[in-house]
């Protein structure tokens, strides 16, 4: 259920019908980007040997 379906906001619901649920799409892309960045900047393998050397 989208935000437009859960509220009584006919203007917003009309915009969602015309343009799509932009906030939901932005949220989805942001979550995907965050996962991609986390995997690209995963320094755990670099830190693990340094911590074991102590």
C-alpha atoms as a PDB file:
ATOM      1  CA  UNK A   1       0.000   0.000   0.000  1.00  0.00           C
ATOM      2  CA  UNK A   2       1.434   3.347  -1.007  1.00  0.00           C
ATOM      3  CA  UNK A   3       1.250   6.531   1.035  1.00  0.00           C
ATOM      4  CA  UNK A   4      -1.420   7.897  -1.290  1.00  0.00           C
ATOM      5  CA  UNK A   5      -3.668   4.906  -0.647  1.00  0.00           C
ATOM      6  CA  UNK A   6      -3.233   5.181   3.131  1.00  0.00           C
ATOM      7  CA  UNK A   7      -4.203   8.861   3.379  1.00  0.00           C
ATOM      8  CA  UNK A   8      -7.024  11.150   2.384  1.00  0.00           C
ATOM      9  CA  UNK A   9      -4.880  13.305   0.099  1.00  0.00           C
ATOM     10  CA  UNK A  10      -6.654  13.401  -3.258  1.00  0.00           C
ATOM     11  CA  UNK A  11      -4.179  15.876  -4.759  1.00  0.00           C
ATOM     12  CA  UNK A  12      -1.240  13.657  -3.799  1.00  0.00           C
ATOM     13  CA  UNK A  13      -3.082  10.557  -5.020  1.00  0.00           C
ATOM     14  CA  UNK A  14      -3.699  12.273  -8.370  1.00  0.00           C
ATOM     15  CA  UNK A  15      -0.027  13.199  -8.692  1.00  0.00           C
ATOM     16  CA  UNK A  16       0.994   9.628  -7.878  1.00  0.00           C
ATOM     17  CA  UNK A  17      -1.337   8.386 -10.613  1.00  0.00           C
ATOM     18  CA  UNK A  18       0.138  10.829 -13.123  1.00  0.00           C
ATOM     19  CA  UNK A  19       3.818  10.809 -12.160  1.00  0.00           C
ATOM     20  CA  UNK A  20       4.291   7.633 -10.141  1.00  0.00           C
ATOM     21  CA  UNK A  21       5.180   7.419  -6.457  1.00  0.00           C
ATOM     22  CA  UNK A  22       8.348   9.510  -6.649  1.00  0.00           C
ATOM     23  CA  UNK A  23       9.157   9.437  -2.896  1.00  0.00           C
ATOM     24  CA  UNK A  24       8.888   5.632  -2.857  1.00  0.00           C
ATOM     25  CA  UNK A  25      11.120   5.369  -5.925  1.00  0.00           C
ATOM     26  CA  UNK A  26      13.685   7.741  -4.395  1.00  0.00           C
ATOM     27  CA  UNK A  27      13.654   5.709  -1.192  1.00  0.00           C
ATOM     28  CA  UNK A  28      14.205   2.471  -3.145  1.00  0.00           C
ATOM     29  CA  UNK A  29      17.100   3.919  -5.144  1.00  0.00           C
ATOM     30  CA  UNK A  30      18.659   5.410  -1.985  1.00  0.00           C
ATOM     31  CA  UNK A  31      18.527   2.034  -0.220  1.00  0.00           C
ATOM     32  CA  UNK A  32      20.095   0.294  -3.230  1.00  0.00           C
ATOM     33  CA  UNK A  33      22.804   2.959  -3.407  1.00  0.00           C
ATOM     34  CA  UNK A  34      23.541   2.631   0.302  1.00  0.00           C
ATOM     35  CA  UNK A  35      23.997  -1.136  -0.051  1.00  0.00           C
ATOM     36  CA  UNK A  36      26.267  -0.625  -3.051  1.00  0.00           C
ATOM     37  CA  UNK A  37      28.370   1.973  -1.230  1.00  0.00           C
ATOM     38  CA  UNK A  38      28.636  -0.215   1.869  1.00  0.00           C
ATOM     39  CA  UNK A  39      29.980  -3.095  -0.211  1.00  0.00           C
ATOM     40  CA  UNK A  40      32.330  -0.842  -2.198  1.00  0.00           C
ATOM     41  CA  UNK A  41      33.728   0.779   0.951  1.00  0.00           C
ATOM     42  CA  UNK A  42      33.965  -2.377   3.049  1.00  0.00           C
ATOM     43  CA  UNK A  43      37.262  -2.013   4.881  1.00  0.00           C
ATOM     44  CA  UNK A  44      36.650  -4.907   7.268  1.00  0.00           C
ATOM     45  CA  UNK A  45      39.135  -7.112   5.390  1.00  0.00           C
ATOM     46  CA  UNK A  46      41.820  -4.428   5.688  1.00  0.00           C
ATOM     47  CA  UNK A  47      41.199  -3.791   9.384  1.00  0.00           C
ATOM     48  CA  UNK A  48      41.012  -7.436  10.461  1.00  0.00           C
ATOM     49  CA  UNK A  49      44.732  -8.274   9.967  1.00  0.00           C
ATOM     50  CA  UNK A  50      45.800  -5.038  11.657  1.00  0.00           C
ATOM     51  CA  UNK A  51      43.651  -5.843  14.702  1.00  0.00           C
ATOM     52  CA  UNK A  52      45.027  -9.399  14.848  1.00  0.00           C
ATOM     53  CA  UNK A  53      48.639  -8.136  14.781  1.00  0.00           C
ATOM     54  CA  UNK A  54      48.231  -6.315  18.093  1.00  0.00           C
END
